[in-house]
């Protein structure tokens, strides 16, 4: 499975209560590829609000037997 995620420096972004928060990977907001337009809008807003080194990344999840 492939999802979109936004990073700022070494941290990830969580969108909660119309606010952006820097978090670790396990708390980050993730989006399906069909929401690319929304993710780009978030990326633009983050840059406008002074977040550094903002970029969109592809998060690849795999499932394996344990």
N, C-alpha and C. Protein backbone atom coordinates (compact mmCIF):
# COMPACT_ATOMS: atom_id res chain seq x y z
N UNK A 1 0.84 -1.17 0.00
CA UNK A 1 0.00 0.00 0.00
C UNK A 1 0.88 1.23 0.00
N UNK A 2 0.52 2.22 -0.78
CA UNK A 2 1.28 3.47 -0.85
C UNK A 2 0.38 4.63 -0.41
N UNK A 3 0.92 5.44 0.48
CA UNK A 3 0.20 6.60 1.01
C UNK A 3 1.09 7.83 0.92
N UNK A 4 0.49 8.99 1.06
CA UNK A 4 1.24 10.25 1.08
C UNK A 4 1.37 10.75 2.51
N UNK A 5 2.51 11.35 2.79
CA UNK A 5 2.79 11.88 4.12
C UNK A 5 3.62 13.14 3.92
N UNK A 6 3.54 14.08 4.85
CA UNK A 6 4.29 15.34 4.72
C UNK A 6 5.31 15.42 5.84
N UNK A 7 6.53 15.80 5.46
CA UNK A 7 7.62 15.98 6.42
C UNK A 7 8.01 17.45 6.50
N UNK A 8 8.51 17.82 7.66
CA UNK A 8 9.13 19.13 7.87
C UNK A 8 10.43 18.85 8.61
N UNK A 9 11.53 18.94 7.89
CA UNK A 9 12.81 18.56 8.48
C UNK A 9 12.81 17.08 8.79
N UNK A 10 13.12 16.73 10.04
CA UNK A 10 13.14 15.32 10.44
C UNK A 10 11.81 14.87 11.05
N UNK A 11 10.87 15.80 11.20
CA UNK A 11 9.57 15.48 11.80
C UNK A 11 8.51 15.31 10.72
N UNK A 12 7.38 14.76 11.14
CA UNK A 12 6.24 14.57 10.25
C UNK A 12 5.11 15.49 10.69
N UNK A 13 4.13 15.67 9.83
CA UNK A 13 3.04 16.60 10.11
C UNK A 13 1.76 15.85 10.46
N UNK A 14 1.10 16.31 11.50
CA UNK A 14 -0.23 15.81 11.86
C UNK A 14 -1.19 16.99 11.75
N UNK A 15 -2.33 16.76 11.10
CA UNK A 15 -3.36 17.77 10.97
C UNK A 15 -4.45 17.44 11.96
N UNK A 16 -4.67 18.33 12.92
CA UNK A 16 -5.69 18.09 13.93
C UNK A 16 -6.28 19.42 14.36
N UNK A 17 -7.60 19.46 14.41
CA UNK A 17 -8.31 20.67 14.85
C UNK A 17 -7.87 21.90 14.04
N UNK A 18 -7.78 21.74 12.72
CA UNK A 18 -7.36 22.82 11.81
C UNK A 18 -6.01 23.41 12.18
N UNK A 19 -5.12 22.58 12.70
CA UNK A 19 -3.79 23.03 13.12
C UNK A 19 -2.77 22.01 12.64
N UNK A 20 -1.54 22.46 12.45
CA UNK A 20 -0.43 21.60 12.03
C UNK A 20 0.46 21.34 13.24
N UNK A 21 0.83 20.08 13.44
CA UNK A 21 1.70 19.71 14.55
C UNK A 21 2.86 18.86 14.06
N UNK A 22 4.03 19.09 14.62
CA UNK A 22 5.19 18.26 14.32
C UNK A 22 5.15 17.03 15.22
N UNK A 23 5.23 15.84 14.61
CA UNK A 23 5.12 14.59 15.36
C UNK A 23 6.10 13.56 14.82
N UNK A 24 6.17 12.42 15.50
CA UNK A 24 6.92 11.28 14.99
C UNK A 24 6.06 10.53 13.98
N UNK A 25 6.66 9.65 13.22
CA UNK A 25 5.99 8.94 12.14
C UNK A 25 4.68 8.28 12.57
N UNK A 26 4.67 7.63 13.74
CA UNK A 26 3.48 6.88 14.14
C UNK A 26 2.26 7.75 14.42
N UNK A 27 2.44 9.06 14.56
CA UNK A 27 1.32 9.97 14.82
C UNK A 27 0.97 10.84 13.60
N UNK A 28 1.71 10.70 12.53
CA UNK A 28 1.53 11.56 11.36
C UNK A 28 0.23 11.28 10.61
N UNK A 29 -0.29 12.30 9.97
CA UNK A 29 -1.46 12.15 9.10
C UNK A 29 -1.00 11.54 7.78
N UNK A 30 -1.77 10.60 7.27
CA UNK A 30 -1.47 9.98 5.97
C UNK A 30 -2.68 10.12 5.06
N UNK A 31 -2.43 10.13 3.75
CA UNK A 31 -3.46 10.37 2.76
C UNK A 31 -3.31 9.40 1.60
N UNK A 32 -4.41 8.97 1.01
CA UNK A 32 -4.31 8.16 -0.21
C UNK A 32 -3.88 9.04 -1.38
N UNK A 33 -3.33 8.45 -2.41
CA UNK A 33 -2.84 9.20 -3.57
C UNK A 33 -3.94 10.03 -4.23
N UNK A 34 -5.19 9.59 -4.14
CA UNK A 34 -6.27 10.34 -4.78
C UNK A 34 -6.51 11.69 -4.10
N UNK A 35 -5.88 11.94 -2.95
CA UNK A 35 -5.99 13.23 -2.27
C UNK A 35 -4.75 14.10 -2.46
N UNK A 36 -4.02 13.86 -3.53
CA UNK A 36 -2.79 14.62 -3.81
C UNK A 36 -3.05 16.13 -3.82
N UNK A 37 -4.16 16.55 -4.39
CA UNK A 37 -4.46 17.99 -4.46
C UNK A 37 -4.55 18.58 -3.05
N UNK A 38 -5.24 17.90 -2.14
CA UNK A 38 -5.35 18.35 -0.76
C UNK A 38 -3.98 18.38 -0.08
N UNK A 39 -3.17 17.36 -0.31
CA UNK A 39 -1.84 17.29 0.30
C UNK A 39 -0.98 18.45 -0.20
N UNK A 40 -1.07 18.79 -1.46
CA UNK A 40 -0.31 19.94 -2.00
C UNK A 40 -0.79 21.25 -1.37
N UNK A 41 -2.08 21.35 -1.11
CA UNK A 41 -2.60 22.55 -0.43
C UNK A 41 -2.04 22.65 0.98
N UNK A 42 -1.99 21.53 1.69
CA UNK A 42 -1.39 21.52 3.03
C UNK A 42 0.09 21.90 2.95
N UNK A 43 0.79 21.36 1.98
CA UNK A 43 2.21 21.67 1.80
C UNK A 43 2.40 23.18 1.62
N UNK A 44 1.58 23.80 0.78
CA UNK A 44 1.66 25.24 0.54
C UNK A 44 1.40 26.02 1.83
N UNK A 45 0.37 25.65 2.57
CA UNK A 45 0.03 26.33 3.82
C UNK A 45 1.16 26.21 4.85
N UNK A 46 1.74 25.04 4.93
CA UNK A 46 2.86 24.84 5.86
C UNK A 46 4.02 25.77 5.53
N UNK A 47 4.37 25.86 4.26
CA UNK A 47 5.47 26.74 3.84
C UNK A 47 5.13 28.19 4.13
N UNK A 48 3.88 28.58 3.89
CA UNK A 48 3.43 29.95 4.16
C UNK A 48 3.46 30.28 5.65
N UNK A 49 3.33 29.26 6.49
CA UNK A 49 3.31 29.46 7.94
C UNK A 49 4.66 29.22 8.60
N UNK A 50 5.72 29.19 7.80
CA UNK A 50 7.07 29.15 8.34
C UNK A 50 7.65 27.80 8.66
N UNK A 51 7.00 26.71 8.28
CA UNK A 51 7.60 25.39 8.49
C UNK A 51 8.78 25.23 7.54
N UNK A 52 9.84 24.59 8.01
CA UNK A 52 11.08 24.45 7.23
C UNK A 52 11.16 23.11 6.52
N UNK A 53 11.82 23.12 5.36
CA UNK A 53 12.11 21.90 4.60
C UNK A 53 10.87 21.01 4.43
N UNK A 54 9.77 21.60 4.03
CA UNK A 54 8.51 20.86 3.86
C UNK A 54 8.56 20.09 2.55
N UNK A 55 8.18 18.81 2.61
CA UNK A 55 8.13 17.99 1.40
C UNK A 55 7.12 16.86 1.57
N UNK A 56 6.60 16.43 0.43
CA UNK A 56 5.67 15.31 0.40
C UNK A 56 6.46 14.04 0.14
N UNK A 57 6.17 13.01 0.89
CA UNK A 57 6.85 11.72 0.72
C UNK A 57 5.82 10.63 0.46
N UNK A 58 6.27 9.59 -0.20
CA UNK A 58 5.45 8.40 -0.40
C UNK A 58 5.79 7.42 0.72
N UNK A 59 4.79 7.00 1.44
CA UNK A 59 4.96 6.02 2.51
C UNK A 59 4.50 4.68 1.98
N UNK A 60 5.39 3.69 1.98
CA UNK A 60 5.08 2.38 1.43
C UNK A 60 4.94 1.39 2.58
N UNK A 61 3.74 0.80 2.69
CA UNK A 61 3.47 -0.17 3.74
C UNK A 61 3.43 -1.57 3.15
N UNK A 62 4.03 -2.51 3.85
CA UNK A 62 3.96 -3.90 3.42
C UNK A 62 3.43 -4.73 4.58
N UNK A 63 2.82 -5.83 4.24
CA UNK A 63 2.29 -6.74 5.25
C UNK A 63 3.02 -8.07 5.12
N UNK A 64 3.50 -8.57 6.26
CA UNK A 64 4.22 -9.84 6.28
C UNK A 64 3.72 -10.68 7.44
N UNK A 65 3.86 -11.98 7.30
CA UNK A 65 3.52 -12.88 8.39
C UNK A 65 4.50 -12.66 9.53
N UNK A 66 4.02 -12.82 10.71
CA UNK A 66 4.86 -12.64 11.88
C UNK A 66 5.29 -13.97 12.45
